[in-house]
Amino acid sequence: MRRNWLASAAVAAVAISIPVTAVTVPALGGTAQAATIGLQQKTTPASAASAPKRVLKKVVTWNMAAATLAKRLVGDPYEWGGTSPAGFDCSGLAQWVYRHTGHGKLIQRTAESQFLQFRRISHAAARPGDLVFFHDSSYPGSYVYHVGVYEGGEYMVAATTYGEGVQLQSFAWGGNTVTFGTITH
């Protein structure tokens, strides 16, 4: 009797094209058992079957490509004054990423000169691939001693110190000394 009920429920579900994934059937002795019916029917209208398929392309901006390239450098060593994957300092990393993304963008060599070259933007306006600048005080015009490539949220890729190298890290440690800059938007 119960098998007949399950079979008729499955047939009814197929007939009206409603996917049924589980049916609870009372079992003997007052407990319940779950029975799974794996019958799912997909219907395709005749016009949709003959229509050409659309392929959606993901748009990758220059900034997105720069952020991705910076992430690929995580684990590379730190070297004071370094400007290549053999060893980076913070501004050397930013300069290398910008030069090697897309058709490349030439930016200055030091964190302070990069800050002066970039247009200041808010954290809300920052996009992955922009730069995160660290000032020696909360005054946004103060000297910039460190820079990283913004990755979104509160994260950046930066060349840190000897032994740690290039890392994906939070910039929250900078507190109110952090500003953002862009040359792309």
C-alpha atoms as a PDB file:
ATOM      1  CA  MET A   1       0.000   0.000   0.000  1.00  0.00           C
ATOM      2  CA  ARG A   2       2.732   2.457   0.981  1.00  0.00           C
ATOM      3  CA  ARG A   3       4.789   1.577  -2.111  1.00  0.00           C
ATOM      4  CA  ASN A   4       1.785   2.238  -4.284  1.00  0.00           C
ATOM      5  CA  TRP A   5       1.343   5.638  -2.639  1.00  0.00           C
ATOM      6  CA  LEU A   6       5.026   6.544  -3.267  1.00  0.00           C
ATOM      7  CA  ALA A   7       4.780   5.402  -6.871  1.00  0.00           C
ATOM      8  CA  SER A   8       1.607   7.388  -7.479  1.00  0.00           C
ATOM      9  CA  ALA A   9       3.180  10.488  -5.861  1.00  0.00           C
ATOM     10  CA  ALA A  10       6.205  10.176  -8.163  1.00  0.00           C
ATOM     11  CA  VAL A  11       4.008   9.739 -11.245  1.00  0.00           C
ATOM     12  CA  ALA A  12       1.884  12.731 -10.239  1.00  0.00           C
ATOM     13  CA  ALA A  13       4.972  14.873  -9.715  1.00  0.00           C
ATOM     14  CA  VAL A  14       6.335  13.983 -13.151  1.00  0.00           C
ATOM     15  CA  ALA A  15       2.977  14.534 -14.777  1.00  0.00           C
ATOM     16  CA  ILE A  16       2.680  18.073 -13.485  1.00  0.00           C
ATOM     17  CA  SER A  17       6.443  18.826 -13.659  1.00  0.00           C
ATOM     18  CA  ILE A  18       6.928  19.574  -9.976  1.00  0.00           C
ATOM     19  CA  PRO A  19      10.203  18.266  -8.632  1.00  0.00           C
ATOM     20  CA  VAL A  20       9.700  16.112  -5.564  1.00  0.00           C
ATOM     21  CA  THR A  21      12.799  15.574  -3.499  1.00  0.00           C
ATOM     22  CA  ALA A  22      11.528  13.932  -0.327  1.00  0.00           C
ATOM     23  CA  VAL A  23       8.310  12.457   0.954  1.00  0.00           C
ATOM     24  CA  THR A  24       7.769  11.421   4.567  1.00  0.00           C
ATOM     25  CA  VAL A  25       5.806   8.229   4.934  1.00  0.00           C
ATOM     26  CA  PRO A  26       4.606   6.866   8.267  1.00  0.00           C
ATOM     27  CA  ALA A  27       6.210   3.496   8.948  1.00  0.00           C
ATOM     28  CA  LEU A  28       5.029   0.604  11.051  1.00  0.00           C
ATOM     29  CA  GLY A  29       5.399   1.048  14.776  1.00  0.00           C
ATOM     30  CA  GLY A  30       4.590   4.770  14.778  1.00  0.00           C
ATOM     31  CA  THR A  31       8.011   6.067  13.521  1.00  0.00           C
ATOM     32  CA  ALA A  32       8.549   7.986  10.319  1.00  0.00           C
ATOM     33  CA  GLN A  33      10.813   7.143   7.384  1.00  0.00           C
ATOM     34  CA  ALA A  34      11.984   9.494   4.656  1.00  0.00           C
ATOM     35  CA  ALA A  35      11.930   8.284   1.099  1.00  0.00           C
ATOM     36  CA  THR A  36      13.753  10.213  -1.585  1.00  0.00           C
ATOM     37  CA  ILE A  37      12.324  10.344  -5.052  1.00  0.00           C
ATOM     38  CA  GLY A  38      15.017  11.341  -7.506  1.00  0.00           C
ATOM     39  CA  LEU A  39      12.683  12.108 -10.378  1.00  0.00           C
ATOM     40  CA  GLN A  40      13.090  15.632 -11.663  1.00  0.00           C
ATOM     41  CA  GLN A  41      11.972  16.547 -15.114  1.00  0.00           C
ATOM     42  CA  LYS A  42      13.183  19.604 -16.971  1.00  0.00           C
ATOM     43  CA  THR A  43      11.048  20.882 -19.784  1.00  0.00           C
ATOM     44  CA  THR A  44      12.419  23.104 -22.518  1.00  0.00           C
ATOM     45  CA  PRO A  45      10.090  25.000 -24.814  1.00  0.00           C
ATOM     46  CA  ALA A  46      10.681  24.277 -28.493  1.00  0.00           C
ATOM     47  CA  SER A  47      11.572  27.921 -29.187  1.00  0.00           C
ATOM     48  CA  ALA A  48      14.228  27.952 -26.432  1.00  0.00           C
ATOM     49  CA  ALA A  49      15.836  24.758 -27.728  1.00  0.00           C
ATOM     50  CA  SER A  50      16.450  26.300 -31.129  1.00  0.00           C
ATOM     51  CA  ALA A  51      17.435  29.765 -29.862  1.00  0.00           C
ATOM     52  CA  PRO A  52      21.139  30.627 -29.969  1.00  0.00           C
ATOM     53  CA  LYS A  53      22.910  30.400 -26.621  1.00  0.00           C
ATOM     54  CA  ARG A  54      24.221  33.622 -25.141  1.00  0.00           C
ATOM     55  CA  VAL A  55      27.650  33.589 -23.632  1.00  0.00           C
ATOM     56  CA  LEU A  56      28.138  36.140 -20.900  1.00  0.00           C
ATOM     57  CA  LYS A  57      31.678  37.452 -20.710  1.00  0.00           C
ATOM     58  CA  LYS A  58      33.047  38.631 -17.408  1.00  0.00           C
ATOM     59  CA  VAL A  59      34.393  42.136 -17.734  1.00  0.00           C
ATOM     60  CA  VAL A  60      37.821  42.453 -16.152  1.00  0.00           C
ATOM     61  CA  THR A  61      38.932  46.010 -15.485  1.00  0.00           C
ATOM     62  CA  TRP A  62      42.535  47.149 -15.341  1.00  0.00           C
ATOM     63  CA  ASN A  63      42.184  47.538 -11.570  1.00  0.00           C
ATOM     64  CA  MET A  64      40.893  43.977 -11.186  1.00  0.00           C
ATOM     65  CA  ALA A  65      43.838  42.664 -13.209  1.00  0.00           C
ATOM     66  CA  ALA A  66      46.281  44.652 -11.040  1.00  0.00           C
ATOM     67  CA  ALA A  67      44.755  43.258  -7.833  1.00  0.00           C
ATOM     68  CA  THR A  68      44.960  39.714  -9.220  1.00  0.00           C
ATOM     69  CA  LEU A  69      48.585  40.171 -10.263  1.00  0.00           C
ATOM     70  CA  ALA A  70      49.465  41.495  -6.805  1.00  0.00           C
ATOM     71  CA  LYS A  71      47.912  38.390  -5.186  1.00  0.00           C
ATOM     72  CA  ARG A  72      50.075  36.155  -7.382  1.00  0.00           C
ATOM     73  CA  LEU A  73      53.162  37.759  -5.822  1.00  0.00           C
ATOM     74  CA  VAL A  74      52.226  36.721  -2.276  1.00  0.00           C
ATOM     75  CA  GLY A  75      55.133  34.739  -0.885  1.00  0.00           C
ATOM     76  CA  ASP A  76      57.842  36.553  -2.853  1.00  0.00           C
ATOM     77  CA  PRO A  77      60.717  37.764  -0.657  1.00  0.00           C
ATOM     78  CA  TYR A  78      61.210  41.232   0.825  1.00  0.00           C
ATOM     79  CA  GLU A  79      64.269  43.228  -0.131  1.00  0.00           C
ATOM     80  CA  TRP A  80      64.876  46.870   0.795  1.00  0.00           C
ATOM     81  CA  GLY A  81      64.889  48.803  -2.495  1.00  0.00           C
ATOM     82  CA  GLY A  82      63.700  45.682  -4.366  1.00  0.00           C
ATOM     83  CA  THR A  83      61.707  46.114  -7.564  1.00  0.00           C
ATOM     84  CA  SER A  84      61.334  42.563  -8.913  1.00  0.00           C
ATOM     85  CA  PRO A  85      59.956  39.161  -7.898  1.00  0.00           C
ATOM     86  CA  ALA A  86      63.473  38.324  -6.702  1.00  0.00           C
ATOM     87  CA  GLY A  87      62.736  40.787  -3.865  1.00  0.00           C
ATOM     88  CA  PHE A  88      60.330  43.694  -3.321  1.00  0.00           C
ATOM     89  CA  ASP A  89      59.974  46.565  -0.954  1.00  0.00           C
ATOM     90  CA  CYS A  90      56.495  48.071  -0.599  1.00  0.00           C
ATOM     91  CA  SER A  91      56.736  50.771  -3.264  1.00  0.00           C
ATOM     92  CA  GLY A  92      58.749  48.509  -5.571  1.00  0.00           C
ATOM     93  CA  LEU A  93      55.891  45.997  -5.431  1.00  0.00           C
ATOM     94  CA  ALA A  94      53.288  48.666  -6.309  1.00  0.00           C
ATOM     95  CA  GLN A  95      55.468  49.986  -9.137  1.00  0.00           C
ATOM     96  CA  TRP A  96      56.085  46.470 -10.555  1.00  0.00           C
ATOM     97  CA  VAL A  97      52.373  45.536 -10.422  1.00  0.00           C
ATOM     98  CA  TYR A  98      51.361  48.746 -12.214  1.00  0.00           C
ATOM     99  CA  ARG A  99      54.065  48.343 -14.869  1.00  0.00           C
ATOM    100  CA  HIS A 100      53.179  44.687 -15.576  1.00  0.00           C
ATOM    101  CA  THR A 101      49.367  44.916 -15.647  1.00  0.00           C
ATOM    102  CA  GLY A 102      47.693  45.263 -19.033  1.00  0.00           C
ATOM    103  CA  HIS A 103      49.482  47.857 -21.121  1.00  0.00           C
ATOM    104  CA  GLY A 104      51.233  49.006 -17.973  1.00  0.00           C
ATOM    105  CA  LYS A 105      51.151  52.245 -16.059  1.00  0.00           C
ATOM    106  CA  LEU A 106      54.367  53.959 -15.072  1.00  0.00           C
ATOM    107  CA  ILE A 107      54.289  55.206 -11.516  1.00  0.00           C
ATOM    108  CA  GLN A 108      56.908  56.780  -9.279  1.00  0.00           C
ATOM    109  CA  ARG A 109      59.356  54.713  -7.239  1.00  0.00           C
ATOM    110  CA  THR A 110      58.798  55.634  -3.569  1.00  0.00           C
ATOM    111  CA  ALA A 111      55.639  55.446  -1.447  1.00  0.00           C
ATOM    112  CA  GLU A 112      55.676  59.227  -0.873  1.00  0.00           C
ATOM    113  CA  SER A 113      56.101  60.043  -4.582  1.00  0.00           C
ATOM    114  CA  GLN A 114      53.389  57.509  -5.505  1.00  0.00           C
ATOM    115  CA  PHE A 115      51.047  59.222  -3.034  1.00  0.00           C
ATOM    116  CA  LEU A 116      51.774  62.592  -4.651  1.00  0.00           C
ATOM    117  CA  GLN A 117      51.155  61.128  -8.142  1.00  0.00           C
ATOM    118  CA  PHE A 118      47.812  59.527  -7.247  1.00  0.00           C
ATOM    119  CA  ARG A 119      44.444  61.227  -6.767  1.00  0.00           C
ATOM    120  CA  ARG A 120      43.184  60.826  -3.216  1.00  0.00           C
ATOM    121  CA  ILE A 121      39.885  58.933  -2.838  1.00  0.00           C
ATOM    122  CA  SER A 122      37.810  57.649   0.058  1.00  0.00           C
ATOM    123  CA  HIS A 123      37.855  54.045   1.222  1.00  0.00           C
ATOM    124  CA  ALA A 124      34.279  53.704  -0.116  1.00  0.00           C
ATOM    125  CA  ALA A 125      35.429  54.826  -3.594  1.00  0.00           C
ATOM    126  CA  ALA A 126      38.519  52.584  -3.620  1.00  0.00           C
ATOM    127  CA  ARG A 127      38.542  49.613  -5.981  1.00  0.00           C
ATOM    128  CA  PRO A 128      40.782  46.564  -5.847  1.00  0.00           C
ATOM    129  CA  GLY A 129      44.006  47.551  -7.606  1.00  0.00           C
ATOM    130  CA  ASP A 130      44.117  51.078  -6.154  1.00  0.00           C
ATOM    131  CA  LEU A 131      46.838  51.890  -3.629  1.00  0.00           C
ATOM    132  CA  VAL A 132      46.638  52.095   0.171  1.00  0.00           C
ATOM    133  CA  PHE A 133      48.971  54.695   1.703  1.00  0.00           C
ATOM    134  CA  PHE A 134      50.235  54.829   5.304  1.00  0.00           C
ATOM    135  CA  HIS A 135      51.085  58.250   6.737  1.00  0.00           C
ATOM    136  CA  ASP A 136      53.247  59.031   9.756  1.00  0.00           C
ATOM    137  CA  SER A 137      50.294  60.842  11.374  1.00  0.00           C
ATOM    138  CA  SER A 138      46.531  61.148  10.996  1.00  0.00           C
ATOM    139  CA  TYR A 139      47.030  64.266   8.873  1.00  0.00           C
ATOM    140  CA  PRO A 140      46.455  63.036   5.268  1.00  0.00           C
ATOM    141  CA  GLY A 141      49.146  65.373   3.914  1.00  0.00           C
ATOM    142  CA  SER A 142      51.817  63.928   6.204  1.00  0.00           C
ATOM    143  CA  TYR A 143      54.749  61.849   4.967  1.00  0.00           C
ATOM    144  CA  VAL A 144      53.896  58.434   3.460  1.00  0.00           C
ATOM    145  CA  TYR A 145      56.170  55.643   4.667  1.00  0.00           C
ATOM    146  CA  HIS A 146      54.350  52.523   3.366  1.00  0.00           C
ATOM    147  CA  VAL A 147      52.086  51.480   0.488  1.00  0.00           C
ATOM    148  CA  GLY A 148      50.089  48.407  -0.521  1.00  0.00           C
ATOM    149  CA  VAL A 149      47.846  47.283  -3.389  1.00  0.00           C
ATOM    150  CA  TYR A 150      44.200  47.404  -2.273  1.00  0.00           C
ATOM    151  CA  GLU A 151      42.316  44.083  -2.548  1.00  0.00           C
ATOM    152  CA  GLY A 152      38.899  45.084  -1.193  1.00  0.00           C
ATOM    153  CA  GLY A 153      37.364  45.285   2.255  1.00  0.00           C
ATOM    154  CA  GLU A 154      40.208  45.912   4.666  1.00  0.00           C
ATOM    155  CA  TYR A 155      42.821  43.898   2.769  1.00  0.00           C
ATOM    156  CA  MET A 156      45.861  44.713   0.687  1.00  0.00           C
ATOM    157  CA  VAL A 157      48.926  43.004  -0.728  1.00  0.00           C
ATOM    158  CA  ALA A 158      52.144  44.563   0.540  1.00  0.00           C
ATOM    159  CA  ALA A 159      55.827  43.785   0.848  1.00  0.00           C
ATOM    160  CA  THR A 160      56.295  43.775   4.611  1.00  0.00           C
ATOM    161  CA  THR A 161      59.706  42.958   6.123  1.00  0.00           C
ATOM    162  CA  TYR A 162      62.555  40.487   5.846  1.00  0.00           C
ATOM    163  CA  GLY A 163      61.335  37.016   6.663  1.00  0.00           C
ATOM    164  CA  GLU A 164      57.700  37.874   5.921  1.00  0.00           C
ATOM    165  CA  GLY A 165      57.982  39.064   2.326  1.00  0.00           C
ATOM    166  CA  VAL A 166      54.908  39.877   0.226  1.00  0.00           C
ATOM    167  CA  GLN A 167      51.683  39.183   2.122  1.00  0.00           C
ATOM    168  CA  LEU A 168      47.932  39.561   1.848  1.00  0.00           C
ATOM    169  CA  GLN A 169      47.112  41.398   5.053  1.00  0.00           C
ATOM    170  CA  SER A 170      44.651  43.693   6.737  1.00  0.00           C
ATOM    171  CA  PHE A 171      45.542  47.367   6.729  1.00  0.00           C
ATOM    172  CA  ALA A 172      43.446  47.984   9.853  1.00  0.00           C
ATOM    173  CA  TRP A 173      46.656  48.211  11.894  1.00  0.00           C
ATOM    174  CA  GLY A 174      47.229  51.618  10.239  1.00  0.00           C
ATOM    175  CA  GLY A 175      44.145  53.053  11.951  1.00  0.00           C
ATOM    176  CA  ASN A 176      43.406  56.639  10.942  1.00  0.00           C
ATOM    177  CA  THR A 177      46.756  57.081   9.164  1.00  0.00           C
ATOM    178  CA  VAL A 178      45.534  55.229   6.037  1.00  0.00           C
ATOM    179  CA  THR A 179      44.434  56.934   2.795  1.00  0.00           C
ATOM    180  CA  PHE A 180      43.623  55.593  -0.668  1.00  0.00           C
ATOM    181  CA  GLY A 181      44.683  56.740  -4.102  1.00  0.00           C
ATOM    182  CA  THR A 182      43.942  56.004  -7.737  1.00  0.00           C
ATOM    183  CA  ILE A 183      45.127  56.894 -11.222  1.00  0.00           C
ATOM    184  CA  THR A 184      42.530  54.781 -13.046  1.00  0.00           C
ATOM    185  CA  HIS A 185      39.103  56.161 -12.123  1.00  0.00           C
END
